[in-house]
Amino acid sequence: MKKLSFLTILMACIGLCCSCNTEQTPEYVFPQSKTTPTATITPIEKGTDFITILVKSTYATECAWLYAEGESLSKSQDQIFAEGTKITGEEQEIKIENLTPETAYTFIAAAKDERHGSVCAPVTIITASDAPESNYPKRMTFEPFERTFDDGGIAKGYIAIADLKANKNLRFVPTLLDPAMTPTSAFEHFSTLGMGTPYALTNGGFFWDGKSLSLCITDGEVKSIATELAYPTVNGEQIIAYPVRAALGQMPDGSFEATWVYCINRQPYSFPSPLDNDEQTETYMPAAPTPEEYDGVLWEPQQAIGGGPMLVYRGENVAMKYYYREIMHTGGTSGQTRQPRTAVGASHDGKVMLLVCDGRGNNGSDGLTLSEMADIFVEKGMYYAINLDGGGSSAIVDYDGELSNNPSDGSERAVPTVVVLSEVE
């Protein structure tokens, strides 16, 4: 038995030594977001005797709300959970009826998980008007966001969401500017176009020398096409490639669709993927794609904006899956580092979301990677999302035409395309 035990130990040691010399695939662990549970209350509709609010929780296992008559309400987290009403899911619309006109009502909410908790700032509303107690139309929100990561990174910016299905007067309007304008100037210009009152505006797709390099379609008319050429480097030499890049469009029936687009004779064609391009393997299509060869179909949305890469496709974070295939690294998108960024997405049920994140230290924000930004869209329930131009171009303007974020250039850039959320009467 002693000989057998010694032999067994010897074999185990040999096996261990062999395993030490065997090359193993490292297991990468990416930092997870570290956040405090939060609760928000947003008024979305009111009349003379009712109020409808949206209660939302983020990173919480529980959320509860309550209200009281009057313009002041101070409650602790424990009191809110003991006296209030819990919400179902991460957000819930609540309609409170039979209220007294001319009377103020104050709402408050709390959120918590196993370790942390928070109480939102009280929201006071008076029921004497038929308009929402907000600077924005019914079913539209414009809010700051902040996210902290385990590695110490911080992302700050703004998110605007418009529910086009619930409020049919809201519009998603990609707009070409000729000449290029700063976003605040574009906001003022849009007000003169007869396409509704603008309430949120961001920079749009990519450009060079003041000219758009991304798809822009407004009311069914192709205003600018997606770039037909890219210039990656292979074996130290620059070559010509044919990028097939992401675009988000609103179709004639009002639904949203994201696809990969290449323009032929100034018409956008939808393809099932970015096709046979890949910067990582340095392989590229030798010629422009044709519909016959790659199953392309003419794409005819009413409104559309292009950019790249695809961030969210059918509810899944695909940012890095398609980043190199859309030939985005060549253009300096820096997908795996935190940067100032702009993106747009849409849900299955008619919501449109704009996101702008500051970066490079401005506003105390490091920015987002493409995957981190895609995660936010998924968390907000977006079925599709695409990246737009970022860096010093990233800018968002709010309801009063003022710049909300802090562009990394220190001032606004003139851009040739913008994305507008407006309301028509």
Protein backbone atom coordinates (compact mmCIF):
# COMPACT_ATOMS: atom_id res chain seq x y z
CA MET A 1 0.00 0.00 0.00
CA LYS A 2 2.88 2.39 0.75
CA LYS A 3 4.35 1.86 -2.73
CA LEU A 4 0.95 2.43 -4.33
CA SER A 5 0.41 5.64 -2.38
CA PHE A 6 3.84 6.93 -3.33
CA LEU A 7 3.23 6.10 -6.99
CA THR A 8 -0.14 7.78 -6.90
CA ILE A 9 1.36 10.95 -5.43
CA LEU A 10 4.19 10.90 -7.97
CA MET A 11 1.74 10.62 -10.89
CA ALA A 12 -0.36 13.46 -9.50
CA CYS A 13 2.70 15.70 -9.27
CA ILE A 14 3.70 14.86 -12.84
CA GLY A 15 0.18 15.68 -13.99
CA LEU A 16 0.30 18.98 -12.14
CA CYS A 17 3.63 19.89 -13.72
CA CYS A 18 2.29 19.05 -17.16
CA SER A 19 -0.79 21.13 -16.60
CA CYS A 20 1.41 24.09 -15.64
CA ASN A 21 3.05 23.96 -19.06
CA THR A 22 -0.24 23.66 -20.89
CA GLU A 23 -1.49 26.91 -22.44
CA GLN A 24 -4.91 27.75 -21.05
CA THR A 25 -7.47 30.22 -22.26
CA PRO A 26 -7.75 32.97 -19.64
CA GLU A 27 -11.18 33.70 -18.21
CA TYR A 28 -11.91 37.40 -18.50
CA VAL A 29 -14.10 39.08 -15.92
CA PHE A 30 -15.56 42.43 -16.88
CA PRO A 31 -16.49 44.96 -14.19
CA GLN A 32 -20.12 45.00 -13.16
CA SER A 33 -21.96 48.23 -12.47
CA LYS A 34 -22.21 49.19 -8.83
CA THR A 35 -25.22 51.36 -8.14
CA THR A 36 -27.55 52.44 -5.37
CA PRO A 37 -31.23 51.58 -5.83
CA THR A 38 -33.20 54.63 -6.91
CA ALA A 39 -36.85 55.56 -7.32
CA THR A 40 -38.29 58.32 -9.50
CA ILE A 41 -41.77 59.77 -9.93
CA THR A 42 -42.68 61.49 -13.20
CA PRO A 43 -46.07 63.17 -13.82
CA ILE A 44 -47.26 62.16 -17.29
CA GLU A 45 -50.86 63.36 -17.37
CA LYS A 46 -53.32 65.29 -15.24
CA GLY A 47 -56.77 66.80 -15.31
CA THR A 48 -58.97 68.78 -12.97
CA ASP A 49 -59.59 65.76 -10.71
CA PHE A 50 -56.94 63.15 -11.58
CA ILE A 51 -53.19 62.68 -11.87
CA THR A 52 -51.28 59.94 -13.70
CA ILE A 53 -47.72 59.33 -12.58
CA LEU A 54 -44.98 56.95 -13.67
CA VAL A 55 -43.08 55.35 -10.79
CA LYS A 56 -39.76 53.77 -11.79
CA SER A 57 -37.15 51.89 -9.81
CA THR A 58 -33.58 51.12 -10.86
CA TYR A 59 -31.36 48.40 -9.36
CA ALA A 60 -33.95 47.74 -6.65
CA THR A 61 -35.58 44.60 -5.34
CA GLU A 62 -38.49 46.60 -3.90
CA CYS A 63 -40.11 49.97 -4.57
CA ALA A 64 -43.09 51.67 -2.90
CA TRP A 65 -44.84 55.04 -3.19
CA LEU A 66 -47.43 57.15 -1.42
CA TYR A 67 -48.95 60.63 -1.61
CA ALA A 68 -50.61 63.17 0.63
CA GLU A 69 -52.55 66.39 0.25
CA GLY A 70 -50.39 69.49 0.53
CA GLU A 71 -47.13 70.87 -0.74
CA SER A 72 -44.79 69.17 1.73
CA LEU A 73 -44.24 65.52 2.47
CA SER A 74 -41.36 64.10 4.48
CA LYS A 75 -41.20 60.34 4.99
CA SER A 76 -38.42 57.91 5.77
CA GLN A 77 -37.78 54.83 3.69
CA ASP A 78 -39.33 52.60 6.38
CA GLN A 79 -42.44 54.79 6.57
CA ILE A 80 -42.92 54.71 2.80
CA PHE A 81 -42.74 50.92 2.73
CA ALA A 82 -45.03 50.62 5.77
CA GLU A 83 -47.69 53.12 4.63
CA GLY A 84 -47.36 53.13 0.86
CA THR A 85 -48.13 50.90 -2.11
CA LYS A 86 -45.53 48.66 -3.72
CA ILE A 87 -45.09 48.77 -7.49
CA THR A 88 -45.08 45.72 -9.72
CA GLY A 89 -41.96 45.39 -11.88
CA GLU A 90 -39.44 48.14 -12.55
CA GLU A 91 -42.00 50.74 -13.57
CA GLN A 92 -45.71 51.27 -13.22
CA GLU A 93 -48.22 53.90 -14.30
CA ILE A 94 -50.61 54.91 -11.52
CA LYS A 95 -53.76 57.00 -12.02
CA ILE A 96 -55.17 58.70 -8.90
CA GLU A 97 -58.75 59.93 -9.38
CA ASN A 98 -61.43 61.93 -7.50
CA LEU A 99 -58.96 64.58 -6.42
CA THR A 100 -59.89 68.12 -5.44
CA PRO A 101 -59.22 70.81 -8.08
CA GLU A 102 -56.86 73.64 -7.11
CA THR A 103 -55.33 71.38 -4.45
CA ALA A 104 -51.68 70.35 -4.31
CA TYR A 105 -50.75 66.69 -3.90
CA THR A 106 -47.24 65.55 -3.10
CA PHE A 107 -45.86 62.14 -4.10
CA ILE A 108 -42.82 60.32 -2.74
CA ALA A 109 -41.22 56.92 -3.37
CA ALA A 110 -38.46 54.73 -1.97
CA ALA A 111 -36.36 51.89 -3.39
CA LYS A 112 -34.15 49.32 -1.68
CA ASP A 113 -32.17 46.13 -2.09
CA GLU A 114 -30.63 43.86 0.54
CA ARG A 115 -27.99 46.41 1.55
CA HIS A 116 -28.95 49.87 0.30
CA GLY A 117 -31.96 52.11 0.00
CA SER A 118 -32.98 55.60 -1.08
CA VAL A 119 -35.91 58.01 -1.05
CA CYS A 120 -36.76 60.16 -4.06
CA ALA A 121 -37.32 63.90 -3.84
CA PRO A 122 -41.02 64.70 -3.25
CA VAL A 123 -42.98 65.71 -6.37
CA THR A 124 -45.84 68.19 -5.92
CA ILE A 125 -48.64 68.49 -8.49
CA ILE A 126 -51.78 70.64 -8.60
CA THR A 127 -54.80 69.19 -10.43
CA ALA A 128 -56.20 72.46 -11.78
CA SER A 129 -54.94 71.99 -15.35
CA ASP A 130 -55.48 69.53 -18.18
CA ALA A 131 -51.77 69.69 -19.08
CA PRO A 132 -49.03 67.55 -17.55
CA GLU A 133 -47.01 69.15 -14.78
CA SER A 134 -43.92 69.07 -16.90
CA ASN A 135 -42.00 71.01 -19.51
CA TYR A 136 -42.43 68.02 -21.81
CA PRO A 137 -45.44 66.59 -23.64
CA LYS A 138 -47.50 63.72 -22.32
CA ARG A 139 -45.59 60.42 -22.36
CA MET A 140 -42.17 62.01 -22.76
CA THR A 141 -39.38 62.23 -20.19
CA PHE A 142 -35.97 63.91 -20.18
CA GLU A 143 -33.78 62.93 -17.23
CA PRO A 144 -30.13 62.89 -16.16
CA PHE A 145 -28.47 59.56 -15.47
CA GLU A 146 -25.38 58.52 -13.56
CA ARG A 147 -23.66 55.16 -13.37
CA THR A 148 -20.67 54.06 -11.28
CA PHE A 149 -18.58 50.98 -12.13
CA ASP A 150 -16.55 48.68 -9.90
CA ASP A 151 -13.30 49.93 -11.38
CA GLY A 152 -14.13 53.48 -10.28
CA GLY A 153 -15.39 54.69 -13.65
CA ILE A 154 -18.30 57.13 -13.71
CA ALA A 155 -20.71 57.83 -16.55
CA LYS A 156 -23.04 60.84 -16.55
CA GLY A 157 -25.41 62.12 -19.17
CA TYR A 158 -29.03 62.45 -20.23
CA ILE A 159 -31.76 60.13 -21.48
CA ALA A 160 -34.90 61.25 -23.32
CA ILE A 161 -37.73 58.76 -23.92
CA ALA A 162 -40.87 59.44 -25.96
CA ASP A 163 -43.79 57.01 -26.19
CA LEU A 164 -45.00 57.56 -29.75
CA LYS A 165 -47.72 54.97 -29.44
CA ALA A 166 -49.32 56.42 -26.29
CA ASN A 167 -49.04 60.02 -27.53
CA LYS A 168 -49.58 59.98 -31.28
CA ASN A 169 -48.61 63.66 -31.56
CA LEU A 170 -44.99 62.83 -30.70
CA ARG A 171 -42.60 62.42 -33.62
CA PHE A 172 -39.15 60.95 -34.28
CA VAL A 173 -37.53 63.19 -36.91
CA PRO A 174 -33.98 62.66 -38.20
CA THR A 175 -33.04 65.91 -39.94
CA LEU A 176 -30.35 66.93 -42.44
CA LEU A 177 -28.78 70.36 -41.95
CA ASP A 178 -27.26 72.21 -44.89
CA PRO A 179 -25.07 73.91 -43.92
CA ALA A 180 -24.06 72.09 -40.74
CA MET A 181 -25.17 73.73 -37.48
CA THR A 182 -24.55 73.41 -33.78
CA PRO A 183 -27.30 71.47 -31.98
CA THR A 184 -28.66 74.60 -30.27
CA SER A 185 -28.86 76.39 -33.63
CA ALA A 186 -30.44 73.28 -35.16
CA PHE A 187 -33.10 73.33 -32.41
CA GLU A 188 -34.04 76.89 -33.33
CA HIS A 189 -33.97 76.03 -37.05
CA PHE A 190 -36.19 72.97 -36.58
CA SER A 191 -38.86 75.15 -34.98
CA THR A 192 -39.31 76.88 -38.36
CA LEU A 193 -39.74 73.68 -40.45
CA GLY A 194 -43.37 72.91 -39.61
CA MET A 195 -42.55 69.44 -38.22
CA GLY A 196 -43.70 70.15 -34.68
CA THR A 197 -42.28 71.74 -31.57
CA PRO A 198 -38.88 70.25 -30.67
CA TYR A 199 -38.43 68.98 -27.11
CA ALA A 200 -35.16 67.02 -27.37
CA LEU A 201 -32.42 67.08 -30.00
CA THR A 202 -29.12 65.22 -30.31
CA ASN A 203 -26.35 65.11 -32.84
CA GLY A 204 -26.87 62.47 -35.53
CA GLY A 205 -24.63 60.25 -37.66
CA PHE A 206 -21.01 60.51 -38.74
CA PHE A 207 -19.64 63.24 -41.00
CA TRP A 208 -16.54 64.65 -42.60
CA ASP A 209 -15.80 68.26 -43.55
CA GLY A 210 -19.36 69.25 -42.68
CA LYS A 211 -20.98 66.61 -44.90
CA SER A 212 -23.00 63.64 -43.69
CA LEU A 213 -21.50 60.15 -44.01
CA SER A 214 -24.56 58.42 -42.56
CA LEU A 215 -28.06 57.64 -43.74
CA CYS A 216 -30.75 60.24 -43.05
CA ILE A 217 -34.36 59.83 -44.18
CA THR A 218 -37.07 62.37 -43.35
CA ASP A 219 -40.74 61.77 -44.20
CA GLY A 220 -39.79 59.06 -46.70
CA GLU A 221 -37.21 61.19 -48.55
CA VAL A 222 -33.55 60.12 -48.57
CA LYS A 223 -31.68 63.23 -47.46
CA SER A 224 -28.20 61.67 -47.21
CA ILE A 225 -26.84 58.20 -47.88
CA ALA A 226 -24.62 55.94 -45.82
CA THR A 227 -20.97 56.13 -46.74
CA GLU A 228 -20.07 53.69 -49.50
CA LEU A 229 -16.35 53.49 -48.72
CA ALA A 230 -14.02 52.86 -45.78
CA TYR A 231 -10.24 52.83 -45.66
CA PRO A 232 -8.87 50.15 -43.30
CA THR A 233 -5.22 49.10 -43.25
CA VAL A 234 -4.14 45.61 -44.30
CA ASN A 235 -0.50 44.52 -43.94
CA GLY A 236 0.49 48.13 -43.39
CA GLU A 237 -1.25 49.44 -46.51
CA GLN A 238 -4.53 51.31 -46.72
CA ILE A 239 -7.19 49.68 -48.86
CA ILE A 240 -10.74 50.49 -50.00
CA ALA A 241 -13.57 48.61 -48.28
CA TYR A 242 -17.37 48.69 -48.50
CA PRO A 243 -18.95 49.08 -45.03
CA VAL A 244 -22.46 47.80 -44.30
CA ARG A 245 -23.55 49.70 -41.20
CA ALA A 246 -26.42 49.96 -38.75
CA ALA A 247 -29.45 52.21 -39.16
CA LEU A 248 -32.66 52.69 -37.16
CA GLY A 249 -35.89 53.49 -38.96
CA GLN A 250 -39.57 54.07 -38.33
CA MET A 251 -41.63 52.17 -40.87
CA PRO A 252 -44.85 53.40 -42.57
CA ASP A 253 -46.99 51.51 -40.02
CA GLY A 254 -45.25 53.34 -37.14
CA SER A 255 -43.17 50.39 -35.96
CA PHE A 256 -39.40 50.57 -35.61
CA GLU A 257 -36.77 48.46 -37.29
CA ALA A 258 -32.98 48.34 -37.14
CA THR A 259 -30.96 46.78 -39.93
CA TRP A 260 -27.63 46.92 -41.76
CA VAL A 261 -27.66 49.26 -44.75
CA TYR A 262 -25.66 49.80 -47.90
CA CYS A 263 -26.84 52.40 -50.42
CA ILE A 264 -27.00 51.59 -54.13
CA ASN A 265 -27.88 54.39 -56.55
CA ARG A 266 -28.73 56.55 -53.50
CA GLN A 267 -31.29 54.02 -52.27
CA PRO A 268 -30.79 52.15 -48.96
CA TYR A 269 -30.83 48.37 -49.09
CA SER A 270 -31.29 46.26 -45.98
CA PHE A 271 -28.96 43.30 -45.46
CA PRO A 272 -29.17 40.51 -42.85
CA SER A 273 -25.77 41.38 -41.31
CA PRO A 274 -22.65 43.52 -41.98
CA LEU A 275 -21.76 40.77 -44.50
CA ASP A 276 -18.17 39.71 -45.21
CA ASN A 277 -16.14 42.47 -43.57
CA ASP A 278 -14.05 41.95 -40.44
CA GLU A 279 -11.29 44.25 -39.20
CA GLN A 280 -9.98 41.65 -36.75
CA THR A 281 -9.19 39.11 -39.46
CA GLU A 282 -8.41 41.83 -42.05
CA THR A 283 -10.87 40.32 -44.51
CA TYR A 284 -13.10 42.53 -46.61
CA MET A 285 -15.53 42.25 -49.49
CA PRO A 286 -13.68 42.83 -52.77
CA ALA A 287 -16.58 44.85 -54.21
CA ALA A 288 -19.72 46.67 -53.13
CA PRO A 289 -22.53 44.28 -52.07
CA THR A 290 -25.42 43.62 -54.41
CA PRO A 291 -28.96 42.64 -53.34
CA GLU A 292 -28.80 39.51 -55.50
CA GLU A 293 -25.61 38.20 -53.95
CA TYR A 294 -26.37 38.97 -50.29
CA ASP A 295 -30.18 38.79 -50.01
CA GLY A 296 -30.60 42.55 -49.78
CA VAL A 297 -34.01 44.23 -50.04
CA LEU A 298 -34.93 47.84 -50.68
CA TRP A 299 -35.46 49.51 -47.29
CA GLU A 300 -38.21 52.13 -47.20
CA PRO A 301 -38.71 53.62 -43.73
CA GLN A 302 -40.50 56.93 -43.25
CA GLN A 303 -37.81 58.20 -40.88
CA ALA A 304 -34.30 56.83 -40.42
CA ILE A 305 -30.87 57.67 -39.06
CA GLY A 306 -27.69 55.72 -39.65
CA GLY A 307 -24.50 55.34 -37.66
CA GLY A 308 -22.83 52.24 -36.32
CA PRO A 309 -22.26 49.83 -34.91
CA MET A 310 -25.49 48.10 -33.98
CA LEU A 311 -25.72 48.18 -30.17
CA VAL A 312 -28.90 46.24 -29.45
CA TYR A 313 -30.53 43.84 -31.90
CA ARG A 314 -33.76 42.08 -30.98
CA GLY A 315 -33.21 42.84 -27.32
CA GLU A 316 -29.62 41.55 -27.16
CA ASN A 317 -26.42 43.53 -26.52
CA VAL A 318 -24.46 43.01 -29.76
CA ALA A 319 -22.15 46.04 -29.60
CA MET A 320 -18.84 44.20 -29.87
CA LYS A 321 -20.28 41.38 -31.96
CA TYR A 322 -20.67 43.75 -34.91
CA TYR A 323 -18.17 46.51 -34.09
CA TYR A 324 -15.31 45.17 -36.24
CA ARG A 325 -17.61 43.80 -38.93
CA GLU A 326 -19.08 47.27 -39.51
CA ILE A 327 -15.50 48.63 -39.89
CA MET A 328 -15.98 51.04 -36.99
CA HIS A 329 -12.55 50.72 -35.39
CA THR A 330 -10.88 52.22 -38.47
CA GLY A 331 -12.80 55.45 -38.01
CA GLY A 332 -11.65 55.95 -34.43
CA THR A 333 -14.83 54.91 -32.61
CA SER A 334 -12.75 53.33 -29.79
CA GLY A 335 -15.50 50.90 -28.86
CA GLN A 336 -13.77 49.27 -25.90
CA THR A 337 -12.70 52.46 -24.10
CA ARG A 338 -14.94 54.92 -22.26
CA GLN A 339 -15.73 57.91 -24.42
CA PRO A 340 -18.39 60.60 -24.83
CA ARG A 341 -21.17 58.93 -26.83
CA THR A 342 -24.57 59.43 -28.46
CA ALA A 343 -27.03 56.68 -29.37
CA VAL A 344 -30.67 56.11 -30.30
CA GLY A 345 -32.92 53.13 -29.72
CA ALA A 346 -36.53 51.98 -29.95
CA SER A 347 -38.76 49.46 -28.23
CA HIS A 348 -41.32 46.97 -29.51
CA ASP A 349 -44.15 49.09 -28.13
CA GLY A 350 -43.38 52.42 -29.79
CA LYS A 351 -40.92 54.13 -27.45
CA VAL A 352 -37.88 56.01 -28.77
CA MET A 353 -34.85 56.66 -26.57
CA LEU A 354 -32.01 59.15 -27.00
CA LEU A 355 -28.88 58.86 -24.86
CA VAL A 356 -25.95 61.25 -24.59
CA CYS A 357 -23.06 60.55 -22.22
CA ASP A 358 -20.34 63.04 -21.35
CA GLY A 359 -16.74 61.88 -21.16
CA ARG A 360 -13.04 62.71 -20.97
CA GLY A 361 -13.60 64.22 -17.53
CA ASN A 362 -16.28 66.71 -18.52
CA ASN A 363 -19.14 66.91 -16.02
CA GLY A 364 -17.14 64.45 -13.90
CA SER A 365 -17.83 61.70 -16.43
CA ASP A 366 -15.43 59.19 -17.95
CA GLY A 367 -17.89 58.10 -20.64
CA LEU A 368 -19.12 54.67 -21.70
CA THR A 369 -17.82 51.79 -23.75
CA LEU A 370 -20.14 50.65 -26.53
CA SER A 371 -21.13 47.55 -24.53
CA GLU A 372 -21.85 49.60 -21.41
CA MET A 373 -24.04 51.92 -23.44
CA ALA A 374 -25.87 48.97 -25.02
CA ASP A 375 -26.56 47.60 -21.53
CA ILE A 376 -28.45 50.78 -20.64
CA PHE A 377 -30.68 50.45 -23.70
CA VAL A 378 -31.44 46.82 -22.85
CA GLU A 379 -32.28 47.77 -19.25
CA LYS A 380 -34.66 50.45 -20.54
CA GLY A 381 -36.52 47.87 -22.61
CA MET A 382 -35.22 48.86 -26.04
CA TYR A 383 -35.41 46.17 -28.72
CA TYR A 384 -33.01 48.00 -31.05
CA ALA A 385 -30.27 50.60 -30.59
CA ILE A 386 -27.50 52.01 -32.77
CA ASN A 387 -24.45 54.12 -31.99
CA LEU A 388 -24.28 57.62 -33.46
CA ASP A 389 -21.35 60.02 -33.74
CA GLY A 390 -19.60 60.57 -30.42
CA GLY A 391 -16.57 62.31 -28.97
CA GLY A 392 -16.73 66.07 -29.26
CA SER A 393 -19.93 65.80 -31.32
CA SER A 394 -22.01 64.33 -28.49
CA ALA A 395 -24.61 66.91 -27.46
CA ILE A 396 -28.22 67.01 -26.30
CA VAL A 397 -30.57 70.00 -26.19
CA ASP A 398 -33.64 70.11 -23.94
CA TYR A 399 -37.13 71.62 -24.24
CA ASP A 400 -36.00 75.28 -23.99
CA GLY A 401 -33.30 74.98 -26.64
CA GLU A 402 -30.47 74.97 -24.10
CA LEU A 403 -27.54 72.57 -24.17
CA SER A 404 -27.91 70.11 -21.28
CA ASN A 405 -24.60 68.22 -21.36
CA ASN A 406 -20.95 69.27 -21.48
CA PRO A 407 -19.35 68.46 -24.87
CA SER A 408 -15.76 67.28 -24.59
CA ASP A 409 -14.52 69.96 -27.02
CA GLY A 410 -15.59 72.61 -24.53
CA SER A 411 -18.20 73.92 -26.97
CA GLU A 412 -20.66 72.56 -29.53
CA ARG A 413 -19.58 71.22 -32.90
CA ALA A 414 -21.50 72.01 -36.06
CA VAL A 415 -23.09 68.77 -37.29
CA PRO A 416 -24.92 67.95 -40.56
CA THR A 417 -27.57 65.61 -39.08
CA VAL A 418 -29.58 65.66 -35.87
CA VAL A 419 -32.25 63.47 -34.27
CA VAL A 420 -35.29 65.36 -32.95
CA LEU A 421 -38.17 64.36 -30.71
CA SER A 422 -41.00 66.78 -31.41
CA GLU A 423 -44.74 67.16 -30.88
CA VAL A 424 -47.26 68.28 -33.47
CA GLU A 425 -50.52 69.99 -32.57
